[in-house]
N, C-alpha and C. Protein backbone atom coordinates (compact mmCIF):
# COMPACT_ATOMS: atom_id res chain seq x y z
N UNK A 1 11.88 -3.05 21.03
CA UNK A 1 11.24 -4.35 21.05
C UNK A 1 10.12 -4.42 20.00
N UNK A 2 9.32 -3.36 19.94
CA UNK A 2 8.22 -3.35 18.96
C UNK A 2 8.75 -3.33 17.52
N UNK A 3 9.77 -2.51 17.28
CA UNK A 3 10.35 -2.46 15.93
C UNK A 3 10.96 -3.81 15.57
N UNK A 4 11.63 -4.43 16.51
CA UNK A 4 12.25 -5.73 16.26
C UNK A 4 11.21 -6.78 15.93
N UNK A 5 10.11 -6.79 16.67
CA UNK A 5 9.03 -7.75 16.40
C UNK A 5 8.44 -7.51 15.02
N UNK A 6 8.12 -6.24 14.73
CA UNK A 6 7.53 -5.92 13.43
C UNK A 6 8.49 -6.29 12.30
N UNK A 7 9.77 -5.94 12.45
CA UNK A 7 10.75 -6.21 11.41
C UNK A 7 10.89 -7.71 11.17
N UNK A 8 10.91 -8.49 12.22
CA UNK A 8 11.05 -9.93 12.08
C UNK A 8 9.79 -10.60 11.56
N UNK A 9 8.62 -10.10 11.93
CA UNK A 9 7.37 -10.75 11.57
C UNK A 9 6.85 -10.29 10.22
N UNK A 10 6.88 -8.96 9.97
CA UNK A 10 6.36 -8.40 8.72
C UNK A 10 7.48 -7.92 7.81
N UNK A 11 8.30 -7.00 8.31
CA UNK A 11 9.45 -6.50 7.55
C UNK A 11 9.24 -5.18 6.85
N UNK A 12 8.42 -5.13 5.78
CA UNK A 12 8.33 -3.90 4.99
C UNK A 12 7.87 -2.70 5.81
N UNK A 13 8.55 -1.59 5.59
CA UNK A 13 8.17 -0.35 6.26
C UNK A 13 8.87 -0.09 7.58
N UNK A 14 9.65 -1.03 8.05
CA UNK A 14 10.32 -0.86 9.34
C UNK A 14 11.23 0.36 9.33
N UNK A 15 11.96 0.55 8.24
CA UNK A 15 12.85 1.71 8.13
C UNK A 15 12.10 3.02 8.24
N UNK A 16 10.93 3.08 7.62
CA UNK A 16 10.11 4.30 7.70
C UNK A 16 9.63 4.55 9.12
N UNK A 17 9.22 3.50 9.80
CA UNK A 17 8.80 3.66 11.20
C UNK A 17 9.95 4.16 12.07
N UNK A 18 11.13 3.63 11.81
CA UNK A 18 12.30 4.07 12.58
C UNK A 18 12.63 5.53 12.29
N UNK A 19 12.53 5.94 11.03
CA UNK A 19 12.76 7.35 10.69
C UNK A 19 11.77 8.23 11.44
N UNK A 20 10.49 7.87 11.41
CA UNK A 20 9.48 8.66 12.12
C UNK A 20 9.79 8.71 13.62
N UNK A 21 10.23 7.60 14.18
CA UNK A 21 10.55 7.58 15.62
C UNK A 21 11.71 8.52 15.93
N UNK A 22 12.75 8.49 15.10
CA UNK A 22 13.88 9.39 15.31
C UNK A 22 13.46 10.85 15.14
N UNK A 23 12.58 11.12 14.18
CA UNK A 23 12.08 12.49 14.01
C UNK A 23 11.31 12.95 15.24
N UNK A 24 10.53 12.04 15.81
CA UNK A 24 9.73 12.39 16.99
C UNK A 24 10.58 12.70 18.22
N UNK A 25 11.79 12.13 18.29
CA UNK A 25 12.62 12.41 19.47
C UNK A 25 13.61 13.55 19.21
N UNK A 26 13.47 14.22 18.03
CA UNK A 26 14.23 15.44 17.81
C UNK A 26 15.36 15.40 16.81
N UNK A 27 15.61 14.28 16.16
CA UNK A 27 16.66 14.21 15.14
C UNK A 27 16.18 14.92 13.88
N UNK A 28 17.12 15.48 13.08
CA UNK A 28 16.71 16.02 11.79
C UNK A 28 16.51 14.85 10.82
N UNK A 29 16.00 15.17 9.62
CA UNK A 29 15.59 14.11 8.71
C UNK A 29 16.77 13.26 8.25
N UNK A 30 17.86 13.89 7.84
CA UNK A 30 19.02 13.13 7.34
C UNK A 30 19.60 12.25 8.45
N UNK A 31 19.72 12.80 9.64
CA UNK A 31 20.25 12.03 10.77
C UNK A 31 19.30 10.88 11.13
N UNK A 32 18.01 11.13 11.06
CA UNK A 32 17.02 10.08 11.32
C UNK A 32 17.15 8.95 10.31
N UNK A 33 17.29 9.32 9.03
CA UNK A 33 17.41 8.31 7.98
C UNK A 33 18.70 7.51 8.16
N UNK A 34 19.78 8.18 8.50
CA UNK A 34 21.06 7.49 8.68
C UNK A 34 20.99 6.51 9.84
N UNK A 35 20.43 6.93 10.95
CA UNK A 35 20.31 6.04 12.11
C UNK A 35 19.38 4.87 11.83
N UNK A 36 18.29 5.13 11.11
CA UNK A 36 17.37 4.04 10.75
C UNK A 36 18.07 3.02 9.86
N UNK A 37 18.89 3.50 8.93
CA UNK A 37 19.62 2.59 8.04
C UNK A 37 20.62 1.73 8.82
N UNK A 38 21.28 2.34 9.79
CA UNK A 38 22.23 1.59 10.61
C UNK A 38 21.51 0.48 11.38
N UNK A 39 20.35 0.78 11.95
CA UNK A 39 19.58 -0.24 12.67
C UNK A 39 19.07 -1.32 11.72
N UNK A 40 18.61 -0.91 10.54
CA UNK A 40 18.16 -1.90 9.56
C UNK A 40 19.30 -2.80 9.12
N UNK A 41 20.48 -2.22 8.94
CA UNK A 41 21.64 -3.02 8.55
C UNK A 41 21.93 -4.08 9.60
N UNK A 42 21.91 -3.69 10.87
CA UNK A 42 22.18 -4.64 11.95
C UNK A 42 21.13 -5.75 11.96
N UNK A 43 19.88 -5.40 11.77
CA UNK A 43 18.80 -6.38 11.75
C UNK A 43 18.95 -7.32 10.56
N UNK A 44 19.25 -6.77 9.40
CA UNK A 44 19.41 -7.60 8.20
C UNK A 44 20.63 -8.49 8.29
N UNK A 45 21.71 -8.00 8.88
CA UNK A 45 22.91 -8.81 9.06
C UNK A 45 22.62 -10.00 9.98
N UNK A 46 21.90 -9.75 11.06
CA UNK A 46 21.55 -10.84 11.97
C UNK A 46 20.69 -11.89 11.26
N UNK A 47 19.72 -11.42 10.47
CA UNK A 47 18.87 -12.36 9.74
C UNK A 47 19.67 -13.14 8.71
N UNK A 48 20.57 -12.46 8.00
CA UNK A 48 21.39 -13.14 6.99
C UNK A 48 22.26 -14.21 7.62
N UNK A 49 22.87 -13.89 8.75
CA UNK A 49 23.71 -14.88 9.44
C UNK A 49 22.90 -16.09 9.89
N UNK A 50 21.70 -15.84 10.37
CA UNK A 50 20.84 -16.94 10.80
C UNK A 50 20.45 -17.83 9.63
N UNK A 51 20.04 -17.22 8.51
CA UNK A 51 19.68 -18.00 7.33
C UNK A 51 20.89 -18.76 6.78
N UNK A 52 22.07 -18.13 6.81
CA UNK A 52 23.28 -18.80 6.34
C UNK A 52 23.62 -19.99 7.24
N UNK A 53 23.43 -19.82 8.53
CA UNK A 53 23.70 -20.90 9.49
C UNK A 53 22.86 -22.13 9.17
N UNK A 54 21.60 -21.89 8.80
CA UNK A 54 20.70 -23.00 8.50
C UNK A 54 20.74 -23.43 7.03
N UNK A 55 21.63 -22.83 6.24
CA UNK A 55 21.78 -23.22 4.84
C UNK A 55 20.61 -22.86 3.96
N UNK A 56 19.93 -21.77 4.26
CA UNK A 56 18.73 -21.39 3.53
C UNK A 56 18.94 -20.22 2.57
N UNK A 57 20.19 -19.93 2.21
CA UNK A 57 20.48 -18.80 1.34
C UNK A 57 20.75 -19.30 -0.07
N UNK A 58 20.08 -18.70 -1.04
CA UNK A 58 20.35 -18.97 -2.45
C UNK A 58 21.34 -17.91 -2.91
N UNK A 59 22.61 -18.25 -2.93
CA UNK A 59 23.66 -17.28 -3.21
C UNK A 59 23.60 -16.73 -4.63
N UNK A 60 23.01 -17.47 -5.57
CA UNK A 60 22.87 -16.98 -6.94
C UNK A 60 21.99 -15.72 -6.99
N UNK A 61 21.04 -15.63 -6.09
CA UNK A 61 20.20 -14.43 -5.98
C UNK A 61 20.77 -13.44 -4.97
N UNK A 62 21.29 -13.96 -3.89
CA UNK A 62 21.71 -13.10 -2.78
C UNK A 62 22.90 -12.21 -3.13
N UNK A 63 23.88 -12.74 -3.82
CA UNK A 63 25.08 -11.94 -4.11
C UNK A 63 24.78 -10.78 -5.07
N UNK A 64 24.11 -11.01 -6.21
CA UNK A 64 23.79 -9.85 -7.06
C UNK A 64 22.87 -8.84 -6.37
N UNK A 65 21.91 -9.33 -5.59
CA UNK A 65 21.02 -8.42 -4.88
C UNK A 65 21.79 -7.61 -3.84
N UNK A 66 22.71 -8.25 -3.14
CA UNK A 66 23.53 -7.55 -2.16
C UNK A 66 24.37 -6.46 -2.80
N UNK A 67 24.98 -6.79 -3.95
CA UNK A 67 25.79 -5.80 -4.67
C UNK A 67 24.92 -4.63 -5.12
N UNK A 68 23.74 -4.92 -5.66
CA UNK A 68 22.84 -3.86 -6.09
C UNK A 68 22.40 -2.99 -4.92
N UNK A 69 22.15 -3.60 -3.78
CA UNK A 69 21.73 -2.82 -2.60
C UNK A 69 22.86 -1.93 -2.10
N UNK A 70 24.09 -2.43 -2.12
CA UNK A 70 25.24 -1.63 -1.69
C UNK A 70 25.42 -0.44 -2.63
N UNK A 71 25.33 -0.68 -3.94
CA UNK A 71 25.47 0.42 -4.90
C UNK A 71 24.34 1.44 -4.74
N UNK A 72 23.13 0.96 -4.56
CA UNK A 72 22.00 1.87 -4.36
C UNK A 72 22.15 2.70 -3.10
N UNK A 73 22.61 2.07 -2.03
CA UNK A 73 22.82 2.80 -0.78
C UNK A 73 23.92 3.83 -0.93
N UNK A 74 24.99 3.47 -1.63
CA UNK A 74 26.11 4.40 -1.82
C UNK A 74 25.68 5.63 -2.62
N UNK A 75 25.06 5.39 -3.78
CA UNK A 75 24.66 6.52 -4.61
C UNK A 75 23.50 7.31 -4.00
N UNK A 76 22.60 6.63 -3.31
CA UNK A 76 21.51 7.32 -2.63
C UNK A 76 22.03 8.22 -1.51
N UNK A 77 23.01 7.74 -0.78
CA UNK A 77 23.61 8.55 0.29
C UNK A 77 24.31 9.76 -0.28
N UNK A 78 25.06 9.56 -1.37
CA UNK A 78 25.75 10.70 -2.00
C UNK A 78 24.73 11.75 -2.46
N UNK A 79 23.63 11.30 -3.05
CA UNK A 79 22.61 12.23 -3.52
C UNK A 79 21.95 12.95 -2.34
N UNK A 80 21.62 12.21 -1.29
CA UNK A 80 20.97 12.81 -0.13
C UNK A 80 21.87 13.86 0.52
N UNK A 81 23.15 13.57 0.63
CA UNK A 81 24.07 14.52 1.26
C UNK A 81 24.32 15.73 0.37
N UNK A 82 24.33 15.54 -0.95
CA UNK A 82 24.60 16.68 -1.84
C UNK A 82 23.36 17.54 -2.05
N UNK A 83 22.18 16.95 -2.14
CA UNK A 83 20.96 17.71 -2.40
C UNK A 83 20.26 18.19 -1.13
N UNK A 84 20.48 17.50 -0.02
CA UNK A 84 19.93 17.94 1.25
C UNK A 84 18.50 17.52 1.51
N UNK A 85 18.01 17.99 2.64
CA UNK A 85 16.68 17.61 3.14
C UNK A 85 15.57 18.09 2.21
N UNK A 86 15.74 19.24 1.60
CA UNK A 86 14.70 19.78 0.72
C UNK A 86 14.38 18.84 -0.44
N UNK A 87 15.34 18.04 -0.86
CA UNK A 87 15.12 17.07 -1.93
C UNK A 87 14.69 15.72 -1.38
N UNK A 88 15.32 15.29 -0.31
CA UNK A 88 15.12 13.93 0.20
C UNK A 88 13.75 13.77 0.87
N UNK A 89 13.34 14.74 1.65
CA UNK A 89 12.09 14.60 2.41
C UNK A 89 10.87 14.42 1.50
N UNK A 90 10.66 15.27 0.48
CA UNK A 90 9.51 15.03 -0.40
C UNK A 90 9.61 13.70 -1.16
N UNK A 91 10.82 13.31 -1.55
CA UNK A 91 11.01 12.03 -2.22
C UNK A 91 10.62 10.88 -1.30
N UNK A 92 11.03 10.97 -0.04
CA UNK A 92 10.68 9.95 0.96
C UNK A 92 9.15 9.86 1.12
N UNK A 93 8.50 11.01 1.23
CA UNK A 93 7.04 11.02 1.41
C UNK A 93 6.34 10.45 0.17
N UNK A 94 6.82 10.83 -1.01
CA UNK A 94 6.24 10.30 -2.25
C UNK A 94 6.39 8.79 -2.33
N UNK A 95 7.58 8.27 -2.08
CA UNK A 95 7.81 6.83 -2.17
C UNK A 95 7.00 6.08 -1.11
N UNK A 96 6.89 6.64 0.08
CA UNK A 96 6.09 6.02 1.13
C UNK A 96 4.62 5.94 0.71
N UNK A 97 4.11 7.03 0.13
CA UNK A 97 2.72 7.04 -0.33
C UNK A 97 2.50 6.01 -1.44
N UNK A 98 3.45 5.91 -2.36
CA UNK A 98 3.33 4.92 -3.44
C UNK A 98 3.32 3.50 -2.88
N UNK A 99 4.20 3.22 -1.93
CA UNK A 99 4.25 1.88 -1.35
C UNK A 99 2.99 1.55 -0.55
N UNK A 100 2.46 2.54 0.18
CA UNK A 100 1.20 2.31 0.90
C UNK A 100 0.08 2.03 -0.09
N UNK A 101 0.04 2.81 -1.18
CA UNK A 101 -0.97 2.58 -2.22
C UNK A 101 -0.87 1.19 -2.82
N UNK A 102 0.35 0.75 -3.09
CA UNK A 102 0.54 -0.59 -3.64
C UNK A 102 0.06 -1.66 -2.66
N UNK A 103 0.38 -1.48 -1.40
CA UNK A 103 -0.06 -2.45 -0.38
C UNK A 103 -1.59 -2.49 -0.32
N UNK A 104 -2.22 -1.33 -0.39
CA UNK A 104 -3.68 -1.29 -0.35
C UNK A 104 -4.29 -1.96 -1.57
N UNK A 105 -3.72 -1.71 -2.76
CA UNK A 105 -4.22 -2.37 -3.96
C UNK A 105 -4.07 -3.88 -3.87
N UNK A 106 -2.92 -4.34 -3.39
CA UNK A 106 -2.71 -5.77 -3.23
C UNK A 106 -3.70 -6.36 -2.22
N UNK A 107 -3.99 -5.61 -1.17
CA UNK A 107 -4.94 -6.08 -0.15
C UNK A 107 -6.35 -6.18 -0.74
N UNK A 108 -6.73 -5.19 -1.55
CA UNK A 108 -8.08 -5.20 -2.13
C UNK A 108 -8.25 -6.26 -3.21
N UNK A 109 -7.16 -6.64 -3.89
CA UNK A 109 -7.22 -7.68 -4.92
C UNK A 109 -7.55 -9.04 -4.32
N UNK A 110 -7.07 -9.26 -3.09
CA UNK A 110 -7.29 -10.56 -2.46
C UNK A 110 -8.58 -10.51 -1.75
């Protein structure tokens, strides 16, 4: 319920929170990331269907972005499975730190 509220109201970082939650209940990192992605996909699909129902989708942007996201997910998954946790975990922490830093800079600018 909390993840759903946060994802619907704010959005960014929900996947990271889900990964941390799966790690806390005993999943390994790759399994946590995979489960978080599956939940994010379901959430995004529901949102997309709702926006499509109300005619609020700009398909000129949505289709190329969707294709790019599918390709990124495919190649990212292949890399994560081939290189393993030793590569993925530090990359995840680095990217999370960069995104938190960006959010803080944006907050301080305003």
